[in-house]
Structure formats: C-alpha cells, structure tokens
Amino acid sequence: MILWVRDRGPGLPESELEKVMAPFYRLEASRNRATGGVGLGLATARAVIAEEGGELTLANRRGGGLSARITLPAA
C-alpha cells in the first residue's frame, strides 16, 4: 500500500529532507515553542511506519510544496 500526503507550502531545502526525520531536529532555529513543535513528529512517524515494515520518505513537489510517501507491506 502507498499513501501520499501532499501540500502546497514552501517545501524544504533539499539538504534538509533527510535531516528533518531526526529526533528533535527543527528548521526553525529559535527553538521558540510558539513557532512550532519540538521536532518529534516526523521521527515518531518514521519509527512507527518502520516498525510495521514500511518506509516514510519526503520530496519537494514541482511547483512548490512537499510530498510525504508512506509505503506499507500488503496486509
């Protein structure tokens, strides 16, 4: 099974696509809680998906935005 989650936001710098999967990593350098989370969402999602035998990958969309691809084994 493949699940796509796509948006039309600004996307991410190519050099950050893998880094944002690390626990506590945030693009917002201020560490101000008012500007975002603590950097655990994608790390947690990737770990849960991997535990089920799947994979989470991110890519920028042509024309703007981000695409998250979740692959899971057939049930």
PDB file of N, CA and C in Angstrom:
ATOM      1  N   MET A   1       0.840  -1.163   0.000  1.00  0.00           N
ATOM      2  CA  MET A   1       0.000   0.000   0.000  1.00  0.00           C
ATOM      3  C   MET A   1       0.890   1.233   0.000  1.00  0.00           C
ATOM      4  N   ILE A   2       0.473   2.240  -0.737  1.00  0.00           N
ATOM      5  CA  ILE A   2       1.179   3.519  -0.770  1.00  0.00           C
ATOM      6  C   ILE A   2       0.193   4.615  -0.409  1.00  0.00           C
ATOM      7  N   LEU A   3       0.604   5.465   0.510  1.00  0.00           N
ATOM      8  CA  LEU A   3      -0.199   6.607   0.935  1.00  0.00           C
ATOM      9  C   LEU A   3       0.620   7.865   0.690  1.00  0.00           C
ATOM     10  N   TRP A   4       0.009   8.841   0.054  1.00  0.00           N
ATOM     11  CA  TRP A   4       0.670  10.117  -0.219  1.00  0.00           C
ATOM     12  C   TRP A   4       0.013  11.210   0.610  1.00  0.00           C
ATOM     13  N   VAL A   5       0.821  12.096   1.162  1.00  0.00           N
ATOM     14  CA  VAL A   5       0.347  13.306   1.816  1.00  0.00           C
ATOM     15  C   VAL A   5       1.102  14.449   1.150  1.00  0.00           C
ATOM     16  N   ARG A   6       0.349  15.370   0.552  1.00  0.00           N
ATOM     17  CA  ARG A   6       0.979  16.441  -0.222  1.00  0.00           C
ATOM     18  C   ARG A   6       0.431  17.792   0.211  1.00  0.00           C
ATOM     19  N   ASP A   7       1.294  18.804   0.148  1.00  0.00           N
ATOM     20  CA  ASP A   7       0.835  20.160   0.432  1.00  0.00           C
ATOM     21  C   ASP A   7       1.370  21.112  -0.636  1.00  0.00           C
ATOM     22  N   ARG A   8       0.960  22.348  -0.546  1.00  0.00           N
ATOM     23  CA  ARG A   8       1.401  23.380  -1.488  1.00  0.00           C
ATOM     24  C   ARG A   8       2.172  24.482  -0.766  1.00  0.00           C
ATOM     25  N   GLY A   9       2.809  24.139   0.341  1.00  0.00           N
ATOM     26  CA  GLY A   9       3.597  25.102   1.101  1.00  0.00           C
ATOM     27  C   GLY A   9       4.918  25.404   0.420  1.00  0.00           C
ATOM     28  N   PRO A  10       5.858  25.953   1.159  1.00  0.00           N
ATOM     29  CA  PRO A  10       7.137  26.347   0.571  1.00  0.00           C
ATOM     30  C   PRO A  10       8.095  25.182   0.310  1.00  0.00           C
ATOM     31  N   GLY A  11       7.786  23.986   0.810  1.00  0.00           N
ATOM     32  CA  GLY A  11       8.716  22.872   0.669  1.00  0.00           C
ATOM     33  C   GLY A  11       9.869  23.011   1.646  1.00  0.00           C
ATOM     34  N   LEU A  12      10.905  22.216   1.440  1.00  0.00           N
ATOM     35  CA  LEU A  12      12.092  22.231   2.300  1.00  0.00           C
ATOM     36  C   LEU A  12      13.340  22.310   1.435  1.00  0.00           C
ATOM     37  N   PRO A  13      14.407  22.900   1.954  1.00  0.00           N
ATOM     38  CA  PRO A  13      15.670  22.822   1.221  1.00  0.00           C
ATOM     39  C   PRO A  13      16.049  21.350   1.015  1.00  0.00           C
ATOM     40  N   GLU A  14      16.531  21.017  -0.153  1.00  0.00           N
ATOM     41  CA  GLU A  14      16.886  19.619  -0.461  1.00  0.00           C
ATOM     42  C   GLU A  14      17.814  19.031   0.592  1.00  0.00           C
ATOM     43  N   SER A  15      18.735  19.840   1.105  1.00  0.00           N
ATOM     44  CA  SER A  15      19.701  19.355   2.087  1.00  0.00           C
ATOM     45  C   SER A  15      19.064  19.019   3.439  1.00  0.00           C
ATOM     46  N   GLU A  16      17.809  19.439   3.647  1.00  0.00           N
ATOM     47  CA  GLU A  16      17.131  19.208   4.923  1.00  0.00           C
ATOM     48  C   GLU A  16      16.141  18.050   4.888  1.00  0.00           C
ATOM     49  N   LEU A  17      15.843  17.506   3.729  1.00  0.00           N
ATOM     50  CA  LEU A  17      14.795  16.496   3.610  1.00  0.00           C
ATOM     51  C   LEU A  17      15.033  15.272   4.498  1.00  0.00           C
ATOM     52  N   GLU A  18      16.242  14.839   4.625  1.00  0.00           N
ATOM     53  CA  GLU A  18      16.546  13.696   5.487  1.00  0.00           C
ATOM     54  C   GLU A  18      16.760  14.146   6.933  1.00  0.00           C
ATOM     55  N   LYS A  19      17.346  15.303   7.119  1.00  0.00           N
ATOM     56  CA  LYS A  19      17.642  15.794   8.470  1.00  0.00           C
ATOM     57  C   LYS A  19      16.380  15.984   9.308  1.00  0.00           C
ATOM     58  N   VAL A  20      15.276  16.399   8.687  1.00  0.00           N
ATOM     59  CA  VAL A  20      14.057  16.666   9.456  1.00  0.00           C
ATOM     60  C   VAL A  20      13.451  15.388  10.050  1.00  0.00           C
ATOM     61  N   MET A  21      13.951  14.237   9.649  1.00  0.00           N
ATOM     62  CA  MET A  21      13.480  12.963  10.201  1.00  0.00           C
ATOM     63  C   MET A  21      14.173  12.621  11.521  1.00  0.00           C
ATOM     64  N   ALA A  22      15.230  13.331  11.863  1.00  0.00           N
ATOM     65  CA  ALA A  22      15.973  13.060  13.099  1.00  0.00           C
ATOM     66  C   ALA A  22      15.210  13.619  14.303  1.00  0.00           C
ATOM     67  N   PRO A  23      15.213  12.887  15.419  1.00  0.00           N
ATOM     68  CA  PRO A  23      14.536  13.385  16.617  1.00  0.00           C
ATOM     69  C   PRO A  23      15.079  14.746  17.057  1.00  0.00           C
ATOM     70  N   PHE A  24      14.186  15.630  17.417  1.00  0.00           N
ATOM     71  CA  PHE A  24      14.468  16.971  17.939  1.00  0.00           C
ATOM     72  C   PHE A  24      15.064  17.934  16.919  1.00  0.00           C
ATOM     73  N   TYR A  25      15.113  17.543  15.651  1.00  0.00           N
ATOM     74  CA  TYR A  25      15.626  18.443  14.613  1.00  0.00           C
ATOM     75  C   TYR A  25      14.502  19.352  14.139  1.00  0.00           C
ATOM     76  N   ARG A  26      14.766  20.647  14.115  1.00  0.00           N
ATOM     77  CA  ARG A  26      13.794  21.629  13.631  1.00  0.00           C
ATOM     78  C   ARG A  26      14.481  22.595  12.686  1.00  0.00           C
ATOM     79  N   LEU A  27      13.774  22.988  11.657  1.00  0.00           N
ATOM     80  CA  LEU A  27      14.306  24.010  10.748  1.00  0.00           C
ATOM     81  C   LEU A  27      14.269  25.381  11.403  1.00  0.00           C
ATOM     82  N   GLU A  28      13.308  25.602  12.267  1.00  0.00           N
ATOM     83  CA  GLU A  28      13.178  26.863  12.996  1.00  0.00           C
ATOM     84  C   GLU A  28      14.256  26.881  14.072  1.00  0.00           C
ATOM     85  N   ALA A  29      15.268  27.683  13.884  1.00  0.00           N
ATOM     86  CA  ALA A  29      16.442  27.663  14.762  1.00  0.00           C
ATOM     87  C   ALA A  29      16.220  28.313  16.124  1.00  0.00           C
ATOM     88  N   SER A  30      15.163  29.087  16.280  1.00  0.00           N
ATOM     89  CA  SER A  30      14.994  29.828  17.527  1.00  0.00           C
ATOM     90  C   SER A  30      14.642  28.932  18.709  1.00  0.00           C
ATOM     91  N   ARG A  31      14.127  27.748  18.444  1.00  0.00           N
ATOM     92  CA  ARG A  31      13.657  26.820  19.486  1.00  0.00           C
ATOM     93  C   ARG A  31      12.501  27.409  20.283  1.00  0.00           C
ATOM     94  N   ASN A  32      11.873  28.426  19.733  1.00  0.00           N
ATOM     95  CA  ASN A  32      10.723  29.055  20.354  1.00  0.00           C
ATOM     96  C   ASN A  32       9.512  28.151  20.169  1.00  0.00           C
ATOM     97  N   ARG A  33       8.895  27.710  21.243  1.00  0.00           N
ATOM     98  CA  ARG A  33       7.762  26.794  21.151  1.00  0.00           C
ATOM     99  C   ARG A  33       6.576  27.421  20.435  1.00  0.00           C
ATOM    100  N   ALA A  34       6.519  28.750  20.389  1.00  0.00           N
ATOM    101  CA  ALA A  34       5.422  29.425  19.711  1.00  0.00           C
ATOM    102  C   ALA A  34       5.519  29.299  18.193  1.00  0.00           C
ATOM    103  N   THR A  35       6.694  28.946  17.666  1.00  0.00           N
ATOM    104  CA  THR A  35       6.884  28.857  16.219  1.00  0.00           C
ATOM    105  C   THR A  35       6.809  27.433  15.700  1.00  0.00           C
ATOM    106  N   GLY A  36       6.519  26.485  16.548  1.00  0.00           N
ATOM    107  CA  GLY A  36       6.409  25.114  16.072  1.00  0.00           C
ATOM    108  C   GLY A  36       6.607  24.117  17.182  1.00  0.00           C
ATOM    109  N   GLY A  37       6.688  22.851  16.817  1.00  0.00           N
ATOM    110  CA  GLY A  37       6.810  21.768  17.785  1.00  0.00           C
ATOM    111  C   GLY A  37       8.230  21.587  18.284  1.00  0.00           C
ATOM    112  N   VAL A  38       8.471  20.378  18.798  1.00  0.00           N
ATOM    113  CA  VAL A  38       9.782  20.079  19.373  1.00  0.00           C
ATOM    114  C   VAL A  38      10.638  19.208  18.456  1.00  0.00           C
ATOM    115  N   GLY A  39      10.114  18.851  17.309  1.00  0.00           N
ATOM    116  CA  GLY A  39      10.902  18.082  16.355  1.00  0.00           C
ATOM    117  C   GLY A  39      10.795  16.579  16.518  1.00  0.00           C
ATOM    118  N   LEU A  40       9.669  16.105  17.001  1.00  0.00           N
ATOM    119  CA  LEU A  40       9.498  14.660  17.180  1.00  0.00           C
ATOM    120  C   LEU A  40       8.474  14.029  16.237  1.00  0.00           C
ATOM    121  N   GLY A  41       7.666  14.832  15.578  1.00  0.00           N
ATOM    122  CA  GLY A  41       6.588  14.302  14.749  1.00  0.00           C
ATOM    123  C   GLY A  41       7.048  13.380  13.641  1.00  0.00           C
ATOM    124  N   LEU A  42       7.953  13.853  12.792  1.00  0.00           N
ATOM    125  CA  LEU A  42       8.411  13.027  11.672  1.00  0.00           C
ATOM    126  C   LEU A  42       9.259  11.851  12.146  1.00  0.00           C
ATOM    127  N   ALA A  43      10.067  12.053  13.181  1.00  0.00           N
ATOM    128  CA  ALA A  43      10.873  10.957  13.722  1.00  0.00           C
ATOM    129  C   ALA A  43       9.968   9.846  14.264  1.00  0.00           C
ATOM    130  N   THR A  44       8.912  10.241  14.961  1.00  0.00           N
ATOM    131  CA  THR A  44       7.973   9.259  15.504  1.00  0.00           C
ATOM    132  C   THR A  44       7.219   8.551  14.388  1.00  0.00           C
ATOM    133  N   ALA A  45       6.733   9.320  13.426  1.00  0.00           N
ATOM    134  CA  ALA A  45       6.006   8.725  12.300  1.00  0.00           C
ATOM    135  C   ALA A  45       6.882   7.723  11.558  1.00  0.00           C
ATOM    136  N   ARG A  46       8.126   8.104  11.295  1.00  0.00           N
ATOM    137  CA  ARG A  46       9.031   7.201  10.573  1.00  0.00           C
ATOM    138  C   ARG A  46       9.281   5.919  11.373  1.00  0.00           C
ATOM    139  N   ALA A  47       9.452   6.044  12.692  1.00  0.00           N
ATOM    140  CA  ALA A  47       9.700   4.870  13.531  1.00  0.00           C
ATOM    141  C   ALA A  47       8.491   3.937  13.553  1.00  0.00           C
ATOM    142  N   VAL A  48       7.300   4.484  13.669  1.00  0.00           N
ATOM    143  CA  VAL A  48       6.084   3.661  13.691  1.00  0.00           C
ATOM    144  C   VAL A  48       5.891   2.952  12.354  1.00  0.00           C
ATOM    145  N   ILE A  49       6.097   3.686  11.266  1.00  0.00           N
ATOM    146  CA  ILE A  49       5.954   3.105   9.934  1.00  0.00           C
ATOM    147  C   ILE A  49       6.998   2.016   9.710  1.00  0.00           C
ATOM    148  N   ALA A  50       8.234   2.244  10.140  1.00  0.00           N
ATOM    149  CA  ALA A  50       9.294   1.243  10.000  1.00  0.00           C
ATOM    150  C   ALA A  50       8.976  -0.005  10.821  1.00  0.00           C
ATOM    151  N   GLU A  51       8.404   0.175  11.993  1.00  0.00           N
ATOM    152  CA  GLU A  51       8.027  -0.964  12.846  1.00  0.00           C
ATOM    153  C   GLU A  51       7.017  -1.874  12.150  1.00  0.00           C
ATOM    154  N   GLU A  52       6.219  -1.296  11.268  1.00  0.00           N
ATOM    155  CA  GLU A  52       5.224  -2.062  10.509  1.00  0.00           C
ATOM    156  C   GLU A  52       5.783  -2.575   9.183  1.00  0.00           C
ATOM    157  N   GLY A  53       7.078  -2.378   8.968  1.00  0.00           N
ATOM    158  CA  GLY A  53       7.716  -2.861   7.744  1.00  0.00           C
ATOM    159  C   GLY A  53       7.629  -1.893   6.582  1.00  0.00           C
ATOM    160  N   GLY A  54       7.308  -0.640   6.875  1.00  0.00           N
ATOM    161  CA  GLY A  54       7.144   0.348   5.822  1.00  0.00           C
ATOM    162  C   GLY A  54       8.259   1.369   5.795  1.00  0.00           C
ATOM    163  N   GLU A  55       8.023   2.395   4.996  1.00  0.00           N
ATOM    164  CA  GLU A  55       9.020   3.446   4.819  1.00  0.00           C
ATOM    165  C   GLU A  55       8.318   4.783   4.631  1.00  0.00           C
ATOM    166  N   LEU A  56       8.903   5.837   5.192  1.00  0.00           N
ATOM    167  CA  LEU A  56       8.429   7.209   5.016  1.00  0.00           C
ATOM    168  C   LEU A  56       9.526   7.995   4.332  1.00  0.00           C
ATOM    169  N   THR A  57       9.197   8.626   3.210  1.00  0.00           N
ATOM    170  CA  THR A  57      10.160   9.463   2.503  1.00  0.00           C
ATOM    171  C   THR A  57       9.511  10.808   2.187  1.00  0.00           C
ATOM    172  N   LEU A  58      10.331  11.837   2.089  1.00  0.00           N
ATOM    173  CA  LEU A  58       9.879  13.183   1.763  1.00  0.00           C
ATOM    174  C   LEU A  58      10.537  13.646   0.474  1.00  0.00           C
ATOM    175  N   ALA A  59       9.805  14.442  -0.283  1.00  0.00           N
ATOM    176  CA  ALA A  59      10.350  15.040  -1.508  1.00  0.00           C
ATOM    177  C   ALA A  59       9.637  16.354  -1.758  1.00  0.00           C
ATOM    178  N   ASN A  60      10.336  17.289  -2.349  1.00  0.00           N
ATOM    179  CA  ASN A  60       9.708  18.538  -2.758  1.00  0.00           C
ATOM    180  C   ASN A  60       8.893  18.298  -4.015  1.00  0.00           C
ATOM    181  N   ARG A  61       7.776  19.010  -4.114  1.00  0.00           N
ATOM    182  CA  ARG A  61       6.910  18.909  -5.285  1.00  0.00           C
ATOM    183  C   ARG A  61       7.310  19.955  -6.316  1.00  0.00           C
ATOM    184  N   ARG A  62       7.239  19.572  -7.548  1.00  0.00           N
ATOM    185  CA  ARG A  62       7.482  20.526  -8.621  1.00  0.00           C
ATOM    186  C   ARG A  62       6.403  21.609  -8.537  1.00  0.00           C
ATOM    187  N   GLY A  63       6.788  22.854  -8.539  1.00  0.00           N
ATOM    188  CA  GLY A  63       5.831  23.943  -8.436  1.00  0.00           C
ATOM    189  C   GLY A  63       5.572  24.385  -7.009  1.00  0.00           C
ATOM    190  N   GLY A  64       6.190  23.726  -6.036  1.00  0.00           N
ATOM    191  CA  GLY A  64       6.043  24.118  -4.637  1.00  0.00           C
ATOM    192  C   GLY A  64       5.318  23.081  -3.811  1.00  0.00           C
ATOM    193  N   GLY A  65       5.689  22.995  -2.574  1.00  0.00           N
ATOM    194  CA  GLY A  65       5.054  22.063  -1.660  1.00  0.00           C
ATOM    195  C   GLY A  65       5.935  20.861  -1.366  1.00  0.00           C
ATOM    196  N   LEU A  66       5.414  20.039  -0.481  1.00  0.00           N
ATOM    197  CA  LEU A  66       6.135  18.853  -0.027  1.00  0.00           C
ATOM    198  C   LEU A  66       5.256  17.627  -0.219  1.00  0.00           C
ATOM    199  N   SER A  67       5.868  16.506  -0.497  1.00  0.00           N
ATOM    200  CA  SER A  67       5.169  15.247  -0.670  1.00  0.00           C
ATOM    201  C   SER A  67       5.777  14.221   0.273  1.00  0.00           C
ATOM    202  N   ALA A  68       4.934  13.638   1.120  1.00  0.00           N
ATOM    203  CA  ALA A  68       5.367  12.556   2.002  1.00  0.00           C
ATOM    204  C   ALA A  68       4.803  11.260   1.430  1.00  0.00           C
ATOM    205  N   ARG A  69       5.664  10.276   1.242  1.00  0.00           N
ATOM    206  CA  ARG A  69       5.247   8.979   0.694  1.00  0.00           C
ATOM    207  C   ARG A  69       5.418   7.925   1.764  1.00  0.00           C
ATOM    208  N   ILE A  70       4.336   7.253   2.089  1.00  0.00           N
ATOM    209  CA  ILE A  70       4.349   6.180   3.079  1.00  0.00           C
ATOM    210  C   ILE A  70       4.063   4.883   2.335  1.00  0.00           C
ATOM    211  N   THR A  71       4.998   3.934   2.426  1.00  0.00           N
ATOM    212  CA  THR A  71       4.765   2.610   1.836  1.00  0.00           C
ATOM    213  C   THR A  71       4.660   1.604   2.968  1.00  0.00           C
ATOM    214  N   LEU A  72       3.666   0.755   2.861  1.00  0.00           N
ATOM    215  CA  LEU A  72       3.445  -0.302   3.843  1.00  0.00           C
ATOM    216  C   LEU A  72       3.255  -1.624   3.118  1.00  0.00           C
ATOM    217  N   PRO A  73       3.703  -2.720   3.728  1.00  0.00           N
ATOM    218  CA  PRO A  73       3.503  -4.012   3.081  1.00  0.00           C
ATOM    219  C   PRO A  73       2.013  -4.351   3.008  1.00  0.00           C
ATOM    220  N   ALA A  74       1.647  -5.124   2.013  1.00  0.00           N
ATOM    221  CA  ALA A  74       0.258  -5.577   1.879  1.00  0.00           C
ATOM    222  C   ALA A  74      -0.126  -6.409   3.087  1.00  0.00           C
ATOM    223  N   ALA A  75      -1.345  -6.240   3.530  1.00  0.00           N
ATOM    224  CA  ALA A  75      -1.818  -6.964   4.710  1.00  0.00           C
ATOM    225  C   ALA A  75      -2.113  -8.415   4.406  1.00  0.00           C
TER     226      ALA A  75
END
